[in-house]
Amino acid sequence: MSSTQIPFTDDGKRTIASAATWGLIVSATSLVTGILTLLVELTSRTGESVLAQMVQTGFTVVIDIWLLQASLVLRNIASTTRG
């Protein structure tokens, strides 16, 4: 199977690389924020609020993992495409 590369301009490659970088930043900071929020909830509350926070954190983690994966793919595209 042959590898097909999509030609991008240098400006297009910079745009893709920038989107990948910002995606990585957003996913990482969101993951950290979600974990810290969960830790605060665990130490300060009990019962239903902790369960609700755990569910919310779970959804956040799943979405952030998807964003992280997409960002890594974009980074790979930006570094392997021909101009």
PDB file of N, CA and C in Angstrom:
ATOM      1  N   MET A   1       0.849  -1.176   0.000  1.00  0.00           N
ATOM      2  CA  MET A   1       0.000   0.000   0.000  1.00  0.00           C
ATOM      3  C   MET A   1       0.894   1.238   0.000  1.00  0.00           C
ATOM      4  N   SER A   2       0.616   2.162  -0.865  1.00  0.00           N
ATOM      5  CA  SER A   2       1.446   3.359  -0.965  1.00  0.00           C
ATOM      6  C   SER A   2       0.927   4.444  -0.026  1.00  0.00           C
ATOM      7  N   SER A   3       1.850   5.263   0.406  1.00  0.00           N
ATOM      8  CA  SER A   3       1.519   6.373   1.290  1.00  0.00           C
ATOM      9  C   SER A   3       1.245   7.617   0.451  1.00  0.00           C
ATOM     10  N   THR A   4       0.100   8.231   0.661  1.00  0.00           N
ATOM     11  CA  THR A   4      -0.257   9.429  -0.071  1.00  0.00           C
ATOM     12  C   THR A   4      -0.183  10.617   0.873  1.00  0.00           C
ATOM     13  N   GLN A   5       0.529  11.632   0.471  1.00  0.00           N
ATOM     14  CA  GLN A   5       0.636  12.831   1.281  1.00  0.00           C
ATOM     15  C   GLN A   5      -0.185  13.940   0.654  1.00  0.00           C
ATOM     16  N   ILE A   6      -0.837  14.691   1.494  1.00  0.00           N
ATOM     17  CA  ILE A   6      -1.614  15.837   1.046  1.00  0.00           C
ATOM     18  C   ILE A   6      -0.687  17.046   1.063  1.00  0.00           C
ATOM     19  N   PRO A   7      -0.549  17.735  -0.066  1.00  0.00           N
ATOM     20  CA  PRO A   7       0.336  18.899  -0.062  1.00  0.00           C
ATOM     21  C   PRO A   7      -0.312  20.083   0.654  1.00  0.00           C
ATOM     22  N   PHE A   8       0.409  20.662   1.578  1.00  0.00           N
ATOM     23  CA  PHE A   8      -0.037  21.858   2.289  1.00  0.00           C
ATOM     24  C   PHE A   8       0.979  22.961   2.058  1.00  0.00           C
ATOM     25  N   THR A   9       0.508  24.175   2.083  1.00  0.00           N
ATOM     26  CA  THR A   9       1.434  25.299   2.041  1.00  0.00           C
ATOM     27  C   THR A   9       2.126  25.390   3.402  1.00  0.00           C
ATOM     28  N   ASP A  10       3.206  26.139   3.445  1.00  0.00           N
ATOM     29  CA  ASP A  10       3.894  26.320   4.725  1.00  0.00           C
ATOM     30  C   ASP A  10       2.970  26.977   5.742  1.00  0.00           C
ATOM     31  N   ASP A  11       2.151  27.912   5.276  1.00  0.00           N
ATOM     32  CA  ASP A  11       1.195  28.571   6.170  1.00  0.00           C
ATOM     33  C   ASP A  11       0.161  27.568   6.686  1.00  0.00           C
ATOM     34  N   GLY A  12      -0.282  26.684   5.827  1.00  0.00           N
ATOM     35  CA  GLY A  12      -1.239  25.648   6.240  1.00  0.00           C
ATOM     36  C   GLY A  12      -0.645  24.713   7.270  1.00  0.00           C
ATOM     37  N   LYS A  13       0.627  24.337   7.070  1.00  0.00           N
ATOM     38  CA  LYS A  13       1.301  23.476   8.042  1.00  0.00           C
ATOM     39  C   LYS A  13       1.443  24.169   9.386  1.00  0.00           C
ATOM     40  N   ARG A  14       1.735  25.467   9.381  1.00  0.00           N
ATOM     41  CA  ARG A  14       1.846  26.217  10.639  1.00  0.00           C
ATOM     42  C   ARG A  14       0.492  26.284  11.339  1.00  0.00           C
ATOM     43  N   THR A  15      -0.570  26.448  10.564  1.00  0.00           N
ATOM     44  CA  THR A  15      -1.916  26.501  11.147  1.00  0.00           C
ATOM     45  C   THR A  15      -2.278  25.164  11.787  1.00  0.00           C
ATOM     46  N   ILE A  16      -1.989  24.070  11.101  1.00  0.00           N
ATOM     47  CA  ILE A  16      -2.265  22.737  11.650  1.00  0.00           C
ATOM     48  C   ILE A  16      -1.436  22.495  12.910  1.00  0.00           C
ATOM     49  N   ALA A  17      -0.172  22.858  12.870  1.00  0.00           N
ATOM     50  CA  ALA A  17       0.697  22.683  14.034  1.00  0.00           C
ATOM     51  C   ALA A  17       0.218  23.525  15.211  1.00  0.00           C
ATOM     52  N   SER A  18      -0.246  24.735  14.933  1.00  0.00           N
ATOM     53  CA  SER A  18      -0.767  25.598  15.989  1.00  0.00           C
ATOM     54  C   SER A  18      -2.029  25.004  16.614  1.00  0.00           C
ATOM     55  N   ALA A  19      -2.932  24.497  15.784  1.00  0.00           N
ATOM     56  CA  ALA A  19      -4.154  23.861  16.289  1.00  0.00           C
ATOM     57  C   ALA A  19      -3.802  22.653  17.160  1.00  0.00           C
ATOM     58  N   ALA A  20      -2.802  21.888  16.732  1.00  0.00           N
ATOM     59  CA  ALA A  20      -2.369  20.729  17.511  1.00  0.00           C
ATOM     60  C   ALA A  20      -1.805  21.159  18.856  1.00  0.00           C
ATOM     61  N   THR A  21      -0.992  22.189  18.871  1.00  0.00           N
ATOM     62  CA  THR A  21      -0.407  22.677  20.120  1.00  0.00           C
ATOM     63  C   THR A  21      -1.484  23.164  21.076  1.00  0.00           C
ATOM     64  N   TRP A  22      -2.415  23.960  20.584  1.00  0.00           N
ATOM     65  CA  TRP A  22      -3.486  24.459  21.443  1.00  0.00           C
ATOM     66  C   TRP A  22      -4.388  23.326  21.929  1.00  0.00           C
ATOM     67  N   GLY A  23      -4.615  22.324  21.092  1.00  0.00           N
ATOM     68  CA  GLY A  23      -5.397  21.167  21.530  1.00  0.00           C
ATOM     69  C   GLY A  23      -4.713  20.435  22.670  1.00  0.00           C
ATOM     70  N   LEU A  24      -3.398  20.281  22.570  1.00  0.00           N
ATOM     71  CA  LEU A  24      -2.640  19.645  23.643  1.00  0.00           C
ATOM     72  C   LEU A  24      -2.708  20.459  24.929  1.00  0.00           C
ATOM     73  N   ILE A  25      -2.570  21.765  24.810  1.00  0.00           N
ATOM     74  CA  ILE A  25      -2.623  22.644  25.985  1.00  0.00           C
ATOM     75  C   ILE A  25      -3.990  22.565  26.651  1.00  0.00           C
ATOM     76  N   VAL A  26      -5.042  22.662  25.858  1.00  0.00           N
ATOM     77  CA  VAL A  26      -6.400  22.640  26.404  1.00  0.00           C
ATOM     78  C   VAL A  26      -6.705  21.296  27.056  1.00  0.00           C
ATOM     79  N   SER A  27      -6.350  20.204  26.391  1.00  0.00           N
ATOM     80  CA  SER A  27      -6.656  18.888  26.966  1.00  0.00           C
ATOM     81  C   SER A  27      -5.877  18.660  28.260  1.00  0.00           C
ATOM     82  N   ALA A  28      -4.620  19.049  28.301  1.00  0.00           N
ATOM     83  CA  ALA A  28      -3.813  18.854  29.505  1.00  0.00           C
ATOM     84  C   ALA A  28      -4.327  19.695  30.668  1.00  0.00           C
ATOM     85  N   THR A  29      -4.604  20.963  30.421  1.00  0.00           N
ATOM     86  CA  THR A  29      -5.087  21.815  31.508  1.00  0.00           C
ATOM     87  C   THR A  29      -6.478  21.397  31.972  1.00  0.00           C
ATOM     88  N   SER A  30      -7.307  20.941  31.065  1.00  0.00           N
ATOM     89  CA  SER A  30      -8.641  20.493  31.444  1.00  0.00           C
ATOM     90  C   SER A  30      -8.574  19.216  32.270  1.00  0.00           C
ATOM     91  N   LEU A  31      -7.690  18.301  31.900  1.00  0.00           N
ATOM     92  CA  LEU A  31      -7.520  17.086  32.696  1.00  0.00           C
ATOM     93  C   LEU A  31      -7.056  17.415  34.110  1.00  0.00           C
ATOM     94  N   VAL A  32      -6.075  18.279  34.233  1.00  0.00           N
ATOM     95  CA  VAL A  32      -5.564  18.668  35.551  1.00  0.00           C
ATOM     96  C   VAL A  32      -6.656  19.362  36.364  1.00  0.00           C
ATOM     97  N   THR A  33      -7.387  20.263  35.741  1.00  0.00           N
ATOM     98  CA  THR A  33      -8.463  20.971  36.432  1.00  0.00           C
ATOM     99  C   THR A  33      -9.537  20.005  36.905  1.00  0.00           C
ATOM    100  N   GLY A  34      -9.914  19.046  36.065  1.00  0.00           N
ATOM    101  CA  GLY A  34     -10.918  18.064  36.451  1.00  0.00           C
ATOM    102  C   GLY A  34     -10.481  17.223  37.635  1.00  0.00           C
ATOM    103  N   ILE A  35      -9.229  16.792  37.622  1.00  0.00           N
ATOM    104  CA  ILE A  35      -8.706  15.979  38.722  1.00  0.00           C
ATOM    105  C   ILE A  35      -8.638  16.789  40.008  1.00  0.00           C
ATOM    106  N   LEU A  36      -8.169  18.029  39.925  1.00  0.00           N
ATOM    107  CA  LEU A  36      -8.113  18.878  41.117  1.00  0.00           C
ATOM    108  C   LEU A  36      -9.508  19.154  41.672  1.00  0.00           C
ATOM    109  N   THR A  37     -10.463  19.392  40.793  1.00  0.00           N
ATOM    110  CA  THR A  37     -11.836  19.623  41.229  1.00  0.00           C
ATOM    111  C   THR A  37     -12.391  18.397  41.939  1.00  0.00           C
ATOM    112  N   LEU A  38     -12.115  17.226  41.390  1.00  0.00           N
ATOM    113  CA  LEU A  38     -12.573  15.989  42.019  1.00  0.00           C
ATOM    114  C   LEU A  38     -11.940  15.822  43.396  1.00  0.00           C
ATOM    115  N   LEU A  39     -10.645  16.105  43.523  1.00  0.00           N
ATOM    116  CA  LEU A  39      -9.977  15.997  44.815  1.00  0.00           C
ATOM    117  C   LEU A  39     -10.571  16.951  45.841  1.00  0.00           C
ATOM    118  N   VAL A  40     -10.885  18.166  45.419  1.00  0.00           N
ATOM    119  CA  VAL A  40     -11.511  19.133  46.322  1.00  0.00           C
ATOM    120  C   VAL A  40     -12.877  18.629  46.774  1.00  0.00           C
ATOM    121  N   GLU A  41     -13.654  18.097  45.835  1.00  0.00           N
ATOM    122  CA  GLU A  41     -14.975  17.564  46.175  1.00  0.00           C
ATOM    123  C   GLU A  41     -14.857  16.396  47.147  1.00  0.00           C
ATOM    124  N   LEU A  42     -13.885  15.527  46.928  1.00  0.00           N
ATOM    125  CA  LEU A  42     -13.720  14.370  47.801  1.00  0.00           C
ATOM    126  C   LEU A  42     -13.362  14.763  49.222  1.00  0.00           C
ATOM    127  N   THR A  43     -12.614  15.837  49.387  1.00  0.00           N
ATOM    128  CA  THR A  43     -12.192  16.251  50.728  1.00  0.00           C
ATOM    129  C   THR A  43     -13.193  17.153  51.429  1.00  0.00           C
ATOM    130  N   SER A  44     -14.095  17.771  50.680  1.00  0.00           N
ATOM    131  CA  SER A  44     -14.977  18.747  51.319  1.00  0.00           C
ATOM    132  C   SER A  44     -16.446  18.351  51.347  1.00  0.00           C
ATOM    133  N   ARG A  45     -16.836  17.339  50.588  1.00  0.00           N
ATOM    134  CA  ARG A  45     -18.256  16.990  50.520  1.00  0.00           C
ATOM    135  C   ARG A  45     -18.437  15.488  50.632  1.00  0.00           C
ATOM    136  N   THR A  46     -19.688  15.098  50.778  1.00  0.00           N
ATOM    137  CA  THR A  46     -19.980  13.672  50.847  1.00  0.00           C
ATOM    138  C   THR A  46     -21.195  13.353  49.997  1.00  0.00           C
ATOM    139  N   GLY A  47     -21.402  12.070  49.748  1.00  0.00           N
ATOM    140  CA  GLY A  47     -22.632  11.607  49.137  1.00  0.00           C
ATOM    141  C   GLY A  47     -22.814  11.950  47.684  1.00  0.00           C
ATOM    142  N   GLU A  48     -23.993  12.491  47.380  1.00  0.00           N
ATOM    143  CA  GLU A  48     -24.408  12.711  45.993  1.00  0.00           C
ATOM    144  C   GLU A  48     -23.528  13.699  45.246  1.00  0.00           C
ATOM    145  N   SER A  49     -23.044  14.723  45.924  1.00  0.00           N
ATOM    146  CA  SER A  49     -22.229  15.712  45.211  1.00  0.00           C
ATOM    147  C   SER A  49     -20.921  15.103  44.721  1.00  0.00           C
ATOM    148  N   VAL A  50     -20.351  14.176  45.506  1.00  0.00           N
ATOM    149  CA  VAL A  50     -19.117  13.514  45.082  1.00  0.00           C
ATOM    150  C   VAL A  50     -19.402  12.609  43.890  1.00  0.00           C
ATOM    151  N   LEU A  51     -20.504  11.877  43.939  1.00  0.00           N
ATOM    152  CA  LEU A  51     -20.869  11.007  42.826  1.00  0.00           C
ATOM    153  C   LEU A  51     -21.098  11.830  41.556  1.00  0.00           C
ATOM    154  N   ALA A  52     -21.802  12.931  41.680  1.00  0.00           N
ATOM    155  CA  ALA A  52     -22.050  13.796  40.528  1.00  0.00           C
ATOM    156  C   ALA A  52     -20.740  14.340  39.972  1.00  0.00           C
ATOM    157  N   GLN A  53     -19.829  14.730  40.845  1.00  0.00           N
ATOM    158  CA  GLN A  53     -18.534  15.249  40.401  1.00  0.00           C
ATOM    159  C   GLN A  53     -17.714  14.154  39.731  1.00  0.00           C
ATOM    160  N   MET A  54     -17.803  12.933  40.224  1.00  0.00           N
ATOM    161  CA  MET A  54     -17.077  11.824  39.607  1.00  0.00           C
ATOM    162  C   MET A  54     -17.596  11.546  38.195  1.00  0.00           C
ATOM    163  N   VAL A  55     -18.910  11.598  38.015  1.00  0.00           N
ATOM    164  CA  VAL A  55     -19.493  11.397  36.688  1.00  0.00           C
ATOM    165  C   VAL A  55     -19.055  12.517  35.750  1.00  0.00           C
ATOM    166  N   GLN A  56     -19.112  13.757  36.227  1.00  0.00           N
ATOM    167  CA  GLN A  56     -18.695  14.895  35.413  1.00  0.00           C
ATOM    168  C   GLN A  56     -17.212  14.778  35.049  1.00  0.00           C
ATOM    169  N   THR A  57     -16.386  14.410  35.997  1.00  0.00           N
ATOM    170  CA  THR A  57     -14.961  14.251  35.724  1.00  0.00           C
ATOM    171  C   THR A  57     -14.723  13.131  34.714  1.00  0.00           C
ATOM    172  N   GLY A  58     -15.487  12.052  34.823  1.00  0.00           N
ATOM    173  CA  GLY A  58     -15.371  10.954  33.867  1.00  0.00           C
ATOM    174  C   GLY A  58     -15.656  11.402  32.449  1.00  0.00           C
ATOM    175  N   PHE A  59     -16.731  12.165  32.257  1.00  0.00           N
ATOM    176  CA  PHE A  59     -17.040  12.692  30.923  1.00  0.00           C
ATOM    177  C   PHE A  59     -15.930  13.624  30.443  1.00  0.00           C
ATOM    178  N   THR A  60     -15.438  14.451  31.332  1.00  0.00           N
ATOM    179  CA  THR A  60     -14.370  15.383  30.965  1.00  0.00           C
ATOM    180  C   THR A  60     -13.123  14.631  30.522  1.00  0.00           C
ATOM    181  N   VAL A  61     -12.775  13.580  31.243  1.00  0.00           N
ATOM    182  CA  VAL A  61     -11.587  12.796  30.898  1.00  0.00           C
ATOM    183  C   VAL A  61     -11.741  12.161  29.512  1.00  0.00           C
ATOM    184  N   VAL A  62     -12.909  11.600  29.232  1.00  0.00           N
ATOM    185  CA  VAL A  62     -13.135  10.977  27.925  1.00  0.00           C
ATOM    186  C   VAL A  62     -12.993  12.007  26.804  1.00  0.00           C
ATOM    187  N   ILE A  63     -13.610  13.158  26.952  1.00  0.00           N
ATOM    188  CA  ILE A  63     -13.540  14.200  25.929  1.00  0.00           C
ATOM    189  C   ILE A  63     -12.110  14.709  25.783  1.00  0.00           C
ATOM    190  N   ASP A  64     -11.412  14.877  26.898  1.00  0.00           N
ATOM    191  CA  ASP A  64     -10.030  15.349  26.833  1.00  0.00           C
ATOM    192  C   ASP A  64      -9.105  14.329  26.179  1.00  0.00           C
ATOM    193  N   ILE A  65      -9.363  13.052  26.396  1.00  0.00           N
ATOM    194  CA  ILE A  65      -8.559  12.026  25.726  1.00  0.00           C
ATOM    195  C   ILE A  65      -8.790  12.085  24.221  1.00  0.00           C
ATOM    196  N   TRP A  66     -10.036  12.264  23.795  1.00  0.00           N
ATOM    197  CA  TRP A  66     -10.317  12.412  22.356  1.00  0.00           C
ATOM    198  C   TRP A  66      -9.607  13.629  21.784  1.00  0.00           C
ATOM    199  N   LEU A  67      -9.652  14.746  22.508  1.00  0.00           N
ATOM    200  CA  LEU A  67      -8.976  15.963  22.045  1.00  0.00           C
ATOM    201  C   LEU A  67      -7.466  15.745  21.985  1.00  0.00           C
ATOM    202  N   LEU A  68      -6.921  15.071  22.974  1.00  0.00           N
ATOM    203  CA  LEU A  68      -5.491  14.784  22.991  1.00  0.00           C
ATOM    204  C   LEU A  68      -5.097  13.916  21.797  1.00  0.00           C
ATOM    205  N   GLN A  69      -5.882  12.885  21.511  1.00  0.00           N
ATOM    206  CA  GLN A  69      -5.596  12.022  20.366  1.00  0.00           C
ATOM    207  C   GLN A  69      -5.682  12.808  19.052  1.00  0.00           C
ATOM    208  N   ALA A  70      -6.695  13.626  18.901  1.00  0.00           N
ATOM    209  CA  ALA A  70      -6.835  14.429  17.685  1.00  0.00           C
ATOM    210  C   ALA A  70      -5.663  15.392  17.535  1.00  0.00           C
ATOM    211  N   SER A  71      -5.240  15.979  18.622  1.00  0.00           N
ATOM    212  CA  SER A  71      -4.114  16.921  18.578  1.00  0.00           C
ATOM    213  C   SER A  71      -2.825  16.228  18.173  1.00  0.00           C
ATOM    214  N   LEU A  72      -2.618  15.021  18.677  1.00  0.00           N
ATOM    215  CA  LEU A  72      -1.417  14.277  18.302  1.00  0.00           C
ATOM    216  C   LEU A  72      -1.440  13.890  16.826  1.00  0.00           C
ATOM    217  N   VAL A  73      -2.616  13.548  16.307  1.00  0.00           N
ATOM    218  CA  VAL A  73      -2.739  13.245  14.874  1.00  0.00           C
ATOM    219  C   VAL A  73      -2.447  14.500  14.049  1.00  0.00           C
ATOM    220  N   LEU A  74      -2.996  15.635  14.462  1.00  0.00           N
ATOM    221  CA  LEU A  74      -2.723  16.887  13.742  1.00  0.00           C
ATOM    222  C   LEU A  74      -1.241  17.228  13.769  1.00  0.00           C
ATOM    223  N   ARG A  75      -0.612  17.018  14.916  1.00  0.00           N
ATOM    224  CA  ARG A  75       0.822  17.289  15.013  1.00  0.00           C
ATOM    225  C   ARG A  75       1.599  16.396  14.043  1.00  0.00           C
ATOM    226  N   ASN A  76       1.194  15.139  13.956  1.00  0.00           N
ATOM    227  CA  ASN A  76       1.840  14.205  13.042  1.00  0.00           C
ATOM    228  C   ASN A  76       1.623  14.633  11.587  1.00  0.00           C
ATOM    229  N   ILE A  77       0.404  15.073  11.261  1.00  0.00           N
ATOM    230  CA  ILE A  77       0.115  15.547   9.909  1.00  0.00           C
ATOM    231  C   ILE A  77       0.993  16.749   9.562  1.00  0.00           C
ATOM    232  N   ALA A  78       1.100  17.679  10.489  1.00  0.00           N
ATOM    233  CA  ALA A  78       1.884  18.887  10.224  1.00  0.00           C
ATOM    234  C   ALA A  78       3.361  18.579  10.030  1.00  0.00           C
ATOM    235  N   SER A  79       3.853  17.539  10.691  1.00  0.00           N
ATOM    236  CA  SER A  79       5.279  17.254  10.582  1.00  0.00           C
ATOM    237  C   SER A  79       5.635  16.316   9.441  1.00  0.00           C
ATOM    238  N   THR A  80       4.633  15.655   8.849  1.00  0.00           N
ATOM    239  CA  THR A  80       4.948  14.681   7.794  1.00  0.00           C
ATOM    240  C   THR A  80       4.447  15.081   6.418  1.00  0.00           C
ATOM    241  N   THR A  81       3.701  16.178   6.315  1.00  0.00           N
ATOM    242  CA  THR A  81       3.163  16.586   5.007  1.00  0.00           C
ATOM    243  C   THR A  81       4.248  17.316   4.216  1.00  0.00           C
ATOM    244  N   ARG A  82       4.102  17.247   2.938  1.00  0.00           N
ATOM    245  CA  ARG A  82       5.038  17.959   2.071  1.00  0.00           C
ATOM    246  C   ARG A  82       4.442  19.303   1.692  1.00  0.00           C
ATOM    247  N   GLY A  83       5.282  20.260   1.503  1.00  0.00           N
ATOM    248  CA  GLY A  83       4.824  21.608   1.185  1.00  0.00           C
ATOM    249  C   GLY A  83       4.755  21.881  -0.271  1.00  0.00           C
TER     250      GLY A  83
END
